[in-house]
Amino acid sequence: DGAPEFSMKDGTHIDLSRRQIRKKDMLIHLTPAEGRLLRVLIENPGRVYSHRELVLLVQGYDTSQREAPEILRPLVSRLRHKLEPFPALSESIISIRGTGYLFEPESEK
């Protein structure tokens, strides 16, 4: 079915279709919005997304350049907080100040 699954170098396993992240005996579930955000970033490593692009891709509607960061910030913050037990993942979500976000896996740093 082509449902994307990813594994990080440290053994973190990401199942985007089920919105689950697993490592050893830890398992977390993401909300649909968190799952979409992570999916967009993971499937396009190294690509910088503007706040506006991410709101459109994740929430499904267009918004102003001014509003987009306010919509996105709490979502990214919740996602990062959930991902704290998985540093290989949480530290790969990079904020580009004044622009947006990018996913940069540890292997490329």
PDB file of N, CA and C in Angstrom:
ATOM      1  N   ASP A   1       0.826  -1.215   0.000  1.00  0.00           N
ATOM      2  CA  ASP A   1       0.000   0.000   0.000  1.00  0.00           C
ATOM      3  C   ASP A   1       0.861   1.266   0.000  1.00  0.00           C
ATOM      4  N   GLY A   2       2.149   1.095   0.026  1.00  0.00           N
ATOM      5  CA  GLY A   2       3.035   2.251  -0.045  1.00  0.00           C
ATOM      6  C   GLY A   2       2.978   3.148   1.176  1.00  0.00           C
ATOM      7  N   ALA A   3       2.354   2.685   2.266  1.00  0.00           N
ATOM      8  CA  ALA A   3       2.314   3.503   3.478  1.00  0.00           C
ATOM      9  C   ALA A   3       3.729   3.678   3.994  1.00  0.00           C
ATOM     10  N   PRO A   4       4.137   4.931   4.141  1.00  0.00           N
ATOM     11  CA  PRO A   4       5.535   5.168   4.467  1.00  0.00           C
ATOM     12  C   PRO A   4       5.904   4.759   5.887  1.00  0.00           C
ATOM     13  N   GLU A   5       7.026   4.104   5.988  1.00  0.00           N
ATOM     14  CA  GLU A   5       7.628   3.799   7.273  1.00  0.00           C
ATOM     15  C   GLU A   5       9.093   4.170   7.173  1.00  0.00           C
ATOM     16  N   PHE A   6       9.614   4.706   8.246  1.00  0.00           N
ATOM     17  CA  PHE A   6      10.998   5.137   8.268  1.00  0.00           C
ATOM     18  C   PHE A   6      11.666   4.616   9.523  1.00  0.00           C
ATOM     19  N   SER A   7      12.945   4.342   9.419  1.00  0.00           N
ATOM     20  CA  SER A   7      13.723   3.991  10.599  1.00  0.00           C
ATOM     21  C   SER A   7      14.907   4.931  10.696  1.00  0.00           C
ATOM     22  N   MET A   8      15.142   5.435  11.900  1.00  0.00           N
ATOM     23  CA  MET A   8      16.268   6.323  12.137  1.00  0.00           C
ATOM     24  C   MET A   8      17.464   5.464  12.550  1.00  0.00           C
ATOM     25  N   LYS A   9      18.646   6.050  12.459  1.00  0.00           N
ATOM     26  CA  LYS A   9      19.875   5.327  12.802  1.00  0.00           C
ATOM     27  C   LYS A   9      19.870   4.765  14.217  1.00  0.00           C
ATOM     28  N   ASP A  10      19.195   5.465  15.137  1.00  0.00           N
ATOM     29  CA  ASP A  10      19.227   5.042  16.543  1.00  0.00           C
ATOM     30  C   ASP A  10      18.175   3.980  16.863  1.00  0.00           C
ATOM     31  N   GLY A  11      17.481   3.490  15.824  1.00  0.00           N
ATOM     32  CA  GLY A  11      16.493   2.445  16.057  1.00  0.00           C
ATOM     33  C   GLY A  11      15.076   2.964  16.236  1.00  0.00           C
ATOM     34  N   THR A  12      14.885   4.267  16.116  1.00  0.00           N
ATOM     35  CA  THR A  12      13.538   4.834  16.169  1.00  0.00           C
ATOM     36  C   THR A  12      12.811   4.453  14.884  1.00  0.00           C
ATOM     37  N   HIS A  13      11.589   3.926  15.032  1.00  0.00           N
ATOM     38  CA  HIS A  13      10.801   3.488  13.882  1.00  0.00           C
ATOM     39  C   HIS A  13       9.561   4.364  13.769  1.00  0.00           C
ATOM     40  N   ILE A  14       9.325   4.892  12.588  1.00  0.00           N
ATOM     41  CA  ILE A  14       8.200   5.790  12.357  1.00  0.00           C
ATOM     42  C   ILE A  14       7.236   5.142  11.382  1.00  0.00           C
ATOM     43  N   ASP A  15       6.013   4.943  11.830  1.00  0.00           N
ATOM     44  CA  ASP A  15       4.963   4.406  10.968  1.00  0.00           C
ATOM     45  C   ASP A  15       3.973   5.541  10.716  1.00  0.00           C
ATOM     46  N   LEU A  16       4.097   6.168   9.537  1.00  0.00           N
ATOM     47  CA  LEU A  16       3.285   7.349   9.254  1.00  0.00           C
ATOM     48  C   LEU A  16       1.824   7.016   8.990  1.00  0.00           C
ATOM     49  N   SER A  17       1.549   5.804   8.505  1.00  0.00           N
ATOM     50  CA  SER A  17       0.151   5.468   8.244  1.00  0.00           C
ATOM     51  C   SER A  17      -0.620   5.288   9.555  1.00  0.00           C
ATOM     52  N   ARG A  18       0.041   4.738  10.555  1.00  0.00           N
ATOM     53  CA  ARG A  18      -0.610   4.565  11.870  1.00  0.00           C
ATOM     54  C   ARG A  18      -0.336   5.733  12.806  1.00  0.00           C
ATOM     55  N   ARG A  19       0.539   6.651  12.369  1.00  0.00           N
ATOM     56  CA  ARG A  19       0.957   7.785  13.197  1.00  0.00           C
ATOM     57  C   ARG A  19       1.535   7.311  14.528  1.00  0.00           C
ATOM     58  N   GLN A  20       2.425   6.318  14.435  1.00  0.00           N
ATOM     59  CA  GLN A  20       3.075   5.777  15.626  1.00  0.00           C
ATOM     60  C   GLN A  20       4.581   5.931  15.502  1.00  0.00           C
ATOM     61  N   ILE A  21       5.210   6.190  16.637  1.00  0.00           N
ATOM     62  CA  ILE A  21       6.667   6.228  16.691  1.00  0.00           C
ATOM     63  C   ILE A  21       7.093   5.288  17.799  1.00  0.00           C
ATOM     64  N   ARG A  22       8.040   4.428  17.462  1.00  0.00           N
ATOM     65  CA  ARG A  22       8.404   3.346  18.369  1.00  0.00           C
ATOM     66  C   ARG A  22       9.923   3.258  18.472  1.00  0.00           C
ATOM     67  N   LYS A  23      10.379   2.993  19.666  1.00  0.00           N
ATOM     68  CA  LYS A  23      11.792   2.685  19.873  1.00  0.00           C
ATOM     69  C   LYS A  23      11.864   1.790  21.104  1.00  0.00           C
ATOM     70  N   LYS A  24      12.376   0.583  20.912  1.00  0.00           N
ATOM     71  CA  LYS A  24      12.405  -0.414  21.981  1.00  0.00           C
ATOM     72  C   LYS A  24      11.004  -0.548  22.582  1.00  0.00           C
ATOM     73  N   ASP A  25      10.858  -0.234  23.881  1.00  0.00           N
ATOM     74  CA  ASP A  25       9.535  -0.424  24.489  1.00  0.00           C
ATOM     75  C   ASP A  25       8.730   0.863  24.587  1.00  0.00           C
ATOM     76  N   MET A  26       9.202   1.919  23.940  1.00  0.00           N
ATOM     77  CA  MET A  26       8.456   3.180  23.937  1.00  0.00           C
ATOM     78  C   MET A  26       7.601   3.268  22.681  1.00  0.00           C
ATOM     79  N   LEU A  27       6.382   3.742  22.855  1.00  0.00           N
ATOM     80  CA  LEU A  27       5.485   3.924  21.713  1.00  0.00           C
ATOM     81  C   LEU A  27       4.670   5.182  21.946  1.00  0.00           C
ATOM     82  N   ILE A  28       4.651   6.088  20.972  1.00  0.00           N
ATOM     83  CA  ILE A  28       3.781   7.249  21.077  1.00  0.00           C
ATOM     84  C   ILE A  28       2.895   7.318  19.846  1.00  0.00           C
ATOM     85  N   HIS A  29       1.746   7.972  20.017  1.00  0.00           N
ATOM     86  CA  HIS A  29       0.785   8.174  18.937  1.00  0.00           C
ATOM     87  C   HIS A  29       0.695   9.660  18.650  1.00  0.00           C
ATOM     88  N   LEU A  30       0.610   9.996  17.376  1.00  0.00           N
ATOM     89  CA  LEU A  30       0.487  11.389  16.974  1.00  0.00           C
ATOM     90  C   LEU A  30      -0.948  11.680  16.553  1.00  0.00           C
ATOM     91  N   THR A  31      -1.369  12.923  16.724  1.00  0.00           N
ATOM     92  CA  THR A  31      -2.671  13.345  16.207  1.00  0.00           C
ATOM     93  C   THR A  31      -2.582  13.389  14.677  1.00  0.00           C
ATOM     94  N   PRO A  32      -3.715  13.436  13.990  1.00  0.00           N
ATOM     95  CA  PRO A  32      -3.656  13.532  12.519  1.00  0.00           C
ATOM     96  C   PRO A  32      -2.817  14.719  12.034  1.00  0.00           C
ATOM     97  N   ALA A  33      -2.971  15.870  12.666  1.00  0.00           N
ATOM     98  CA  ALA A  33      -2.201  17.046  12.228  1.00  0.00           C
ATOM     99  C   ALA A  33      -0.714  16.852  12.492  1.00  0.00           C
ATOM    100  N   GLU A  34      -0.365  16.321  13.655  1.00  0.00           N
ATOM    101  CA  GLU A  34       1.049  16.062  13.962  1.00  0.00           C
ATOM    102  C   GLU A  34       1.625  15.053  12.981  1.00  0.00           C
ATOM    103  N   GLY A  35       0.830  14.038  12.658  1.00  0.00           N
ATOM    104  CA  GLY A  35       1.266  13.023  11.708  1.00  0.00           C
ATOM    105  C   GLY A  35       1.511  13.594  10.324  1.00  0.00           C
ATOM    106  N   ARG A  36       0.594  14.479   9.880  1.00  0.00           N
ATOM    107  CA  ARG A  36       0.768  15.099   8.555  1.00  0.00           C
ATOM    108  C   ARG A  36       1.999  15.994   8.533  1.00  0.00           C
ATOM    109  N   LEU A  37       2.199  16.746   9.603  1.00  0.00           N
ATOM    110  CA  LEU A  37       3.359  17.630   9.674  1.00  0.00           C
ATOM    111  C   LEU A  37       4.650  16.820   9.594  1.00  0.00           C
ATOM    112  N   LEU A  38       4.727  15.777  10.397  1.00  0.00           N
ATOM    113  CA  LEU A  38       5.930  14.951  10.408  1.00  0.00           C
ATOM    114  C   LEU A  38       6.144  14.291   9.049  1.00  0.00           C
ATOM    115  N   ARG A  39       5.060  13.849   8.437  1.00  0.00           N
ATOM    116  CA  ARG A  39       5.148  13.180   7.138  1.00  0.00           C
ATOM    117  C   ARG A  39       5.712  14.109   6.067  1.00  0.00           C
ATOM    118  N   VAL A  40       5.166  15.330   6.001  1.00  0.00           N
ATOM    119  CA  VAL A  40       5.646  16.300   5.005  1.00  0.00           C
ATOM    120  C   VAL A  40       7.141  16.536   5.182  1.00  0.00           C
ATOM    121  N   LEU A  41       7.567  16.722   6.427  1.00  0.00           N
ATOM    122  CA  LEU A  41       8.973  17.024   6.685  1.00  0.00           C
ATOM    123  C   LEU A  41       9.866  15.828   6.386  1.00  0.00           C
ATOM    124  N   ILE A  42       9.475  14.649   6.869  1.00  0.00           N
ATOM    125  CA  ILE A  42      10.299  13.448   6.710  1.00  0.00           C
ATOM    126  C   ILE A  42      10.436  13.036   5.246  1.00  0.00           C
ATOM    127  N   GLU A  43       9.355  13.215   4.477  1.00  0.00           N
ATOM    128  CA  GLU A  43       9.392  12.767   3.089  1.00  0.00           C
ATOM    129  C   GLU A  43      10.200  13.711   2.206  1.00  0.00           C
ATOM    130  N   ASN A  44      10.579  14.860   2.748  1.00  0.00           N
ATOM    131  CA  ASN A  44      11.338  15.846   1.966  1.00  0.00           C
ATOM    132  C   ASN A  44      12.514  16.371   2.769  1.00  0.00           C
ATOM    133  N   PRO A  45      13.434  15.473   3.166  1.00  0.00           N
ATOM    134  CA  PRO A  45      14.545  15.910   4.006  1.00  0.00           C
ATOM    135  C   PRO A  45      15.380  16.979   3.330  1.00  0.00           C
ATOM    136  N   GLY A  46      15.769  17.966   4.111  1.00  0.00           N
ATOM    137  CA  GLY A  46      16.614  19.027   3.584  1.00  0.00           C
ATOM    138  C   GLY A  46      15.858  20.140   2.892  1.00  0.00           C
ATOM    139  N   ARG A  47      14.542  19.969   2.691  1.00  0.00           N
ATOM    140  CA  ARG A  47      13.763  21.020   2.028  1.00  0.00           C
ATOM    141  C   ARG A  47      13.184  21.945   3.078  1.00  0.00           C
ATOM    142  N   VAL A  48      13.411  23.231   2.905  1.00  0.00           N
ATOM    143  CA  VAL A  48      12.865  24.218   3.833  1.00  0.00           C
ATOM    144  C   VAL A  48      11.442  24.561   3.400  1.00  0.00           C
ATOM    145  N   TYR A  49      10.513  24.394   4.339  1.00  0.00           N
ATOM    146  CA  TYR A  49       9.111  24.748   4.092  1.00  0.00           C
ATOM    147  C   TYR A  49       8.785  26.037   4.808  1.00  0.00           C
ATOM    148  N   SER A  50       8.101  26.941   4.116  1.00  0.00           N
ATOM    149  CA  SER A  50       7.649  28.152   4.786  1.00  0.00           C
ATOM    150  C   SER A  50       6.481  27.791   5.706  1.00  0.00           C
ATOM    151  N   HIS A  51       6.222  28.655   6.670  1.00  0.00           N
ATOM    152  CA  HIS A  51       5.085  28.435   7.571  1.00  0.00           C
ATOM    153  C   HIS A  51       3.798  28.293   6.760  1.00  0.00           C
ATOM    154  N   ARG A  52       3.656  29.149   5.762  1.00  0.00           N
ATOM    155  CA  ARG A  52       2.432  29.135   4.944  1.00  0.00           C
ATOM    156  C   ARG A  52       2.250  27.822   4.204  1.00  0.00           C
ATOM    157  N   GLU A  53       3.348  27.336   3.595  1.00  0.00           N
ATOM    158  CA  GLU A  53       3.278  26.048   2.881  1.00  0.00           C
ATOM    159  C   GLU A  53       2.841  24.941   3.829  1.00  0.00           C
ATOM    160  N   LEU A  54       3.412  24.937   5.029  1.00  0.00           N
ATOM    161  CA  LEU A  54       3.106  23.863   5.975  1.00  0.00           C
ATOM    162  C   LEU A  54       1.663  23.933   6.450  1.00  0.00           C
ATOM    163  N   VAL A  55       1.153  25.143   6.678  1.00  0.00           N
ATOM    164  CA  VAL A  55      -0.258  25.253   7.080  1.00  0.00           C
ATOM    165  C   VAL A  55      -1.149  24.679   5.977  1.00  0.00           C
ATOM    166  N   LEU A  56      -0.825  25.013   4.729  1.00  0.00           N
ATOM    167  CA  LEU A  56      -1.617  24.506   3.611  1.00  0.00           C
ATOM    168  C   LEU A  56      -1.517  22.983   3.517  1.00  0.00           C
ATOM    169  N   LEU A  57      -0.309  22.442   3.628  1.00  0.00           N
ATOM    170  CA  LEU A  57      -0.109  20.999   3.497  1.00  0.00           C
ATOM    171  C   LEU A  57      -0.656  20.212   4.687  1.00  0.00           C
ATOM    172  N   VAL A  58      -0.544  20.786   5.880  1.00  0.00           N
ATOM    173  CA  VAL A  58      -0.918  20.060   7.094  1.00  0.00           C
ATOM    174  C   VAL A  58      -2.375  20.294   7.473  1.00  0.00           C
ATOM    175  N   GLN A  59      -2.799  21.560   7.446  1.00  0.00           N
ATOM    176  CA  GLN A  59      -4.163  21.890   7.878  1.00  0.00           C
ATOM    177  C   GLN A  59      -5.136  21.998   6.714  1.00  0.00           C
ATOM    178  N   GLY A  60      -4.606  22.111   5.497  1.00  0.00           N
ATOM    179  CA  GLY A  60      -5.479  22.089   4.325  1.00  0.00           C
ATOM    180  C   GLY A  60      -6.107  23.415   3.945  1.00  0.00           C
ATOM    181  N   TYR A  61      -5.606  24.512   4.485  1.00  0.00           N
ATOM    182  CA  TYR A  61      -6.141  25.800   4.049  1.00  0.00           C
ATOM    183  C   TYR A  61      -5.022  26.821   3.929  1.00  0.00           C
ATOM    184  N   ASP A  62      -5.292  27.849   3.120  1.00  0.00           N
ATOM    185  CA  ASP A  62      -4.297  28.892   2.910  1.00  0.00           C
ATOM    186  C   ASP A  62      -4.474  29.953   3.978  1.00  0.00           C
ATOM    187  N   THR A  63      -3.412  30.580   4.350  1.00  0.00           N
ATOM    188  CA  THR A  63      -3.460  31.614   5.377  1.00  0.00           C
ATOM    189  C   THR A  63      -2.445  32.682   5.030  1.00  0.00           C
ATOM    190  N   SER A  64      -2.479  33.781   5.760  1.00  0.00           N
ATOM    191  CA  SER A  64      -1.551  34.871   5.462  1.00  0.00           C
ATOM    192  C   SER A  64      -0.169  34.548   6.008  1.00  0.00           C
ATOM    193  N   GLN A  65       0.816  35.223   5.433  1.00  0.00           N
ATOM    194  CA  GLN A  65       2.204  35.068   5.858  1.00  0.00           C
ATOM    195  C   GLN A  65       2.330  35.405   7.348  1.00  0.00           C
ATOM    196  N   ARG A  66       1.467  36.311   7.826  1.00  0.00           N
ATOM    197  CA  ARG A  66       1.530  36.762   9.211  1.00  0.00           C
ATOM    198  C   ARG A  66       0.901  35.741  10.165  1.00  0.00           C
ATOM    199  N   GLU A  67      -0.204  35.157   9.739  1.00  0.00           N
ATOM    200  CA  GLU A  67      -0.920  34.213  10.599  1.00  0.00           C
ATOM    201  C   GLU A  67      -0.282  32.830  10.650  1.00  0.00           C
ATOM    202  N   ALA A  68       0.336  32.431   9.558  1.00  0.00           N
ATOM    203  CA  ALA A  68       0.833  31.057   9.439  1.00  0.00           C
ATOM    204  C   ALA A  68       1.732  30.621  10.608  1.00  0.00           C
ATOM    205  N   PRO A  69       2.722  31.433  11.000  1.00  0.00           N
ATOM    206  CA  PRO A  69       3.580  30.985  12.107  1.00  0.00           C
ATOM    207  C   PRO A  69       2.797  30.779  13.399  1.00  0.00           C
ATOM    208  N   GLU A  70       1.789  31.616  13.629  1.00  0.00           N
ATOM    209  CA  GLU A  70       0.992  31.496  14.859  1.00  0.00           C
ATOM    210  C   GLU A  70       0.174  30.213  14.866  1.00  0.00           C
ATOM    211  N   ILE A  71      -0.230  29.766  13.694  1.00  0.00           N
ATOM    212  CA  ILE A  71      -0.997  28.525  13.583  1.00  0.00           C
ATOM    213  C   ILE A  71      -0.061  27.332  13.768  1.00  0.00           C
ATOM    214  N   LEU A  72       1.118  27.449  13.191  1.00  0.00           N
ATOM    215  CA  LEU A  72       2.045  26.324  13.141  1.00  0.00           C
ATOM    216  C   LEU A  72       2.840  26.117  14.424  1.00  0.00           C
ATOM    217  N   ARG A  73       3.224  27.213  15.064  1.00  0.00           N
ATOM    218  CA  ARG A  73       4.107  27.101  16.228  1.00  0.00           C
ATOM    219  C   ARG A  73       3.594  26.148  17.312  1.00  0.00           C
ATOM    220  N   PRO A  74       2.322  26.279  17.727  1.00  0.00           N
ATOM    221  CA  PRO A  74       1.847  25.352  18.768  1.00  0.00           C
ATOM    222  C   PRO A  74       1.883  23.894  18.318  1.00  0.00           C
ATOM    223  N   LEU A  75       1.606  23.660  17.044  1.00  0.00           N
ATOM    224  CA  LEU A  75       1.622  22.297  16.511  1.00  0.00           C
ATOM    225  C   LEU A  75       3.046  21.731  16.533  1.00  0.00           C
ATOM    226  N   VAL A  76       4.001  22.517  16.063  1.00  0.00           N
ATOM    227  CA  VAL A  76       5.396  22.073  16.057  1.00  0.00           C
ATOM    228  C   VAL A  76       5.875  21.852  17.491  1.00  0.00           C
ATOM    229  N   SER A  77       5.469  22.745  18.370  1.00  0.00           N
ATOM    230  CA  SER A  77       5.863  22.641  19.776  1.00  0.00           C
ATOM    231  C   SER A  77       5.334  21.347  20.400  1.00  0.00           C
ATOM    232  N   ARG A  78       4.057  21.031  20.147  1.00  0.00           N
ATOM    233  CA  ARG A  78       3.472  19.783  20.673  1.00  0.00           C
ATOM    234  C   ARG A  78       4.175  18.569  20.082  1.00  0.00           C
ATOM    235  N   LEU A  79       4.453  18.626  18.771  1.00  0.00           N
ATOM    236  CA  LEU A  79       5.115  17.508  18.107  1.00  0.00           C
ATOM    237  C   LEU A  79       6.506  17.296  18.709  1.00  0.00           C
ATOM    238  N   ARG A  80       7.260  18.366  18.849  1.00  0.00           N
ATOM    239  CA  ARG A  80       8.612  18.249  19.424  1.00  0.00           C
ATOM    240  C   ARG A  80       8.557  17.693  20.838  1.00  0.00           C
ATOM    241  N   HIS A  81       7.584  18.159  21.612  1.00  0.00           N
ATOM    242  CA  HIS A  81       7.449  17.690  22.993  1.00  0.00           C
ATOM    243  C   HIS A  81       7.186  16.181  23.017  1.00  0.00           C
ATOM    244  N   LYS A  82       6.289  15.734  22.139  1.00  0.00           N
ATOM    245  CA  LYS A  82       5.986  14.302  22.052  1.00  0.00           C
ATOM    246  C   LYS A  82       7.201  13.500  21.618  1.00  0.00           C
ATOM    247  N   LEU A  83       8.036  14.114  20.784  1.00  0.00           N
ATOM    248  CA  LEU A  83       9.190  13.405  20.231  1.00  0.00           C
ATOM    249  C   LEU A  83      10.419  13.437  21.136  1.00  0.00           C
ATOM    250  N   GLU A  84      10.314  14.110  22.279  1.00  0.00           N
ATOM    251  CA  GLU A  84      11.481  14.216  23.166  1.00  0.00           C
ATOM    252  C   GLU A  84      12.135  12.874  23.493  1.00  0.00           C
ATOM    253  N   PRO A  85      11.354  11.801  23.721  1.00  0.00           N
ATOM    254  CA  PRO A  85      12.012  10.513  23.994  1.00  0.00           C
ATOM    255  C   PRO A  85      12.789   9.959  22.790  1.00  0.00           C
ATOM    256  N   PHE A  86      12.634  10.598  21.636  1.00  0.00           N
ATOM    257  CA  PHE A  86      13.269  10.137  20.398  1.00  0.00           C
ATOM    258  C   PHE A  86      14.158  11.265  19.862  1.00  0.00           C
ATOM    259  N   PRO A  87      15.298  11.519  20.512  1.00  0.00           N
ATOM    260  CA  PRO A  87      16.104  12.689  20.126  1.00  0.00           C
ATOM    261  C   PRO A  87      16.545  12.678  18.673  1.00  0.00           C
ATOM    262  N   ALA A  88      16.774  11.504  18.097  1.00  0.00           N
ATOM    263  CA  ALA A  88      17.199  11.462  16.691  1.00  0.00           C
ATOM    264  C   ALA A  88      16.141  12.122  15.808  1.00  0.00           C
ATOM    265  N   LEU A  89      14.900  12.012  16.238  1.00  0.00           N
ATOM    266  CA  LEU A  89      13.790  12.573  15.472  1.00  0.00           C
ATOM    267  C   LEU A  89      13.534  14.028  15.867  1.00  0.00           C
ATOM    268  N   SER A  90      13.403  14.275  17.164  1.00  0.00           N
ATOM    269  CA  SER A  90      13.060  15.631  17.612  1.00  0.00           C
ATOM    270  C   SER A  90      14.126  16.638  17.195  1.00  0.00           C
ATOM    271  N   GLU A  91      15.385  16.226  17.228  1.00  0.00           N
ATOM    272  CA  GLU A  91      16.455  17.156  16.883  1.00  0.00           C
ATOM    273  C   GLU A  91      16.630  17.305  15.374  1.00  0.00           C
ATOM    274  N   SER A  92      15.900  16.519  14.601  1.00  0.00           N
ATOM    275  CA  SER A  92      15.979  16.628  13.137  1.00  0.00           C
ATOM    276  C   SER A  92      14.987  17.649  12.588  1.00  0.00           C
ATOM    277  N   ILE A  93      14.060  18.106  13.435  1.00  0.00           N
ATOM    278  CA  ILE A  93      13.102  19.137  13.012  1.00  0.00           C
ATOM    279  C   ILE A  93      13.726  20.483  13.356  1.00  0.00           C
ATOM    280  N   ILE A  94      14.181  21.171  12.328  1.00  0.00           N
ATOM    281  CA  ILE A  94      14.957  22.392  12.505  1.00  0.00           C
ATOM    282  C   ILE A  94      14.091  23.605  12.185  1.00  0.00           C
ATOM    283  N   SER A  95      14.117  24.608  13.079  1.00  0.00           N
ATOM    284  CA  SER A  95      13.432  25.879  12.816  1.00  0.00           C
ATOM    285  C   SER A  95      14.356  26.776  12.015  1.00  0.00           C
ATOM    286  N   ILE A  96      13.813  27.346  10.954  1.00  0.00           N
ATOM    287  CA  ILE A  96      14.554  28.344  10.186  1.00  0.00           C
ATOM    288  C   ILE A  96      13.902  29.690  10.522  1.00  0.00           C
ATOM    289  N   ARG A  97      14.564  30.456  11.338  1.00  0.00           N
ATOM    290  CA  ARG A  97      13.977  31.680  11.883  1.00  0.00           C
ATOM    291  C   ARG A  97      13.424  32.591  10.782  1.00  0.00           C
ATOM    292  N   GLY A  98      12.167  32.993  10.964  1.00  0.00           N
ATOM    293  CA  GLY A  98      11.535  33.900  10.022  1.00  0.00           C
ATOM    294  C   GLY A  98      11.116  33.254   8.713  1.00  0.00           C
ATOM    295  N   THR A  99      11.343  31.957   8.581  1.00  0.00           N
ATOM    296  CA  THR A  99      11.029  31.288   7.322  1.00  0.00           C
ATOM    297  C   THR A  99      10.084  30.118   7.517  1.00  0.00           C
ATOM    298  N   GLY A 100      10.524  29.126   8.296  1.00  0.00           N
ATOM    299  CA  GLY A 100       9.708  27.924   8.456  1.00  0.00           C
ATOM    300  C   GLY A 100      10.505  26.811   9.102  1.00  0.00           C
ATOM    301  N   TYR A 101      10.378  25.606   8.542  1.00  0.00           N
ATOM    302  CA  TYR A 101      11.000  24.432   9.141  1.00  0.00           C
ATOM    303  C   TYR A 101      11.591  23.520   8.080  1.00  0.00           C
ATOM    304  N   LEU A 102      12.559  22.696   8.538  1.00  0.00           N
ATOM    305  CA  LEU A 102      13.070  21.661   7.669  1.00  0.00           C
ATOM    306  C   LEU A 102      13.393  20.433   8.500  1.00  0.00           C
ATOM    307  N   PHE A 103      13.429  19.293   7.830  1.00  0.00           N
ATOM    308  CA  PHE A 103      13.793  18.037   8.476  1.00  0.00           C
ATOM    309  C   PHE A 103      15.171  17.657   7.987  1.00  0.00           C
ATOM    310  N   GLU A 104      16.096  17.507   8.929  1.00  0.00           N
ATOM    311  CA  GLU A 104      17.466  17.169   8.572  1.00  0.00           C
ATOM    312  C   GLU A 104      17.915  15.995   9.442  1.00  0.00           C
ATOM    313  N   PRO A 105      17.814  14.791   8.916  1.00  0.00           N
ATOM    314  CA  PRO A 105      18.192  13.616   9.708  1.00  0.00           C
ATOM    315  C   PRO A 105      19.647  13.675  10.154  1.00  0.00           C
ATOM    316  N   GLU A 106      19.897  13.041  11.275  1.00  0.00           N
ATOM    317  CA  GLU A 106      21.237  13.136  11.872  1.00  0.00           C
ATOM    318  C   GLU A 106      22.332  12.628  10.972  1.00  0.00           C
ATOM    319  N   SER A 107      22.013  11.733  10.050  1.00  0.00           N
ATOM    320  CA  SER A 107      23.035  11.172   9.172  1.00  0.00           C
ATOM    321  C   SER A 107      23.621  12.242   8.241  1.00  0.00           C
ATOM    322  N   GLU A 108      22.872  13.312   8.024  1.00  0.00           N
ATOM    323  CA  GLU A 108      23.313  14.334   7.077  1.00  0.00           C
ATOM    324  C   GLU A 108      23.962  15.524   7.761  1.00  0.00           C
ATOM    325  N   LYS A 109      24.023  15.503   9.071  1.00  0.00           N
ATOM    326  CA  LYS A 109      24.601  16.647   9.785  1.00  0.00           C
ATOM    327  C   LYS A 109      26.117  16.569   9.756  1.00  0.00           C
TER     328      LYS A 109
END
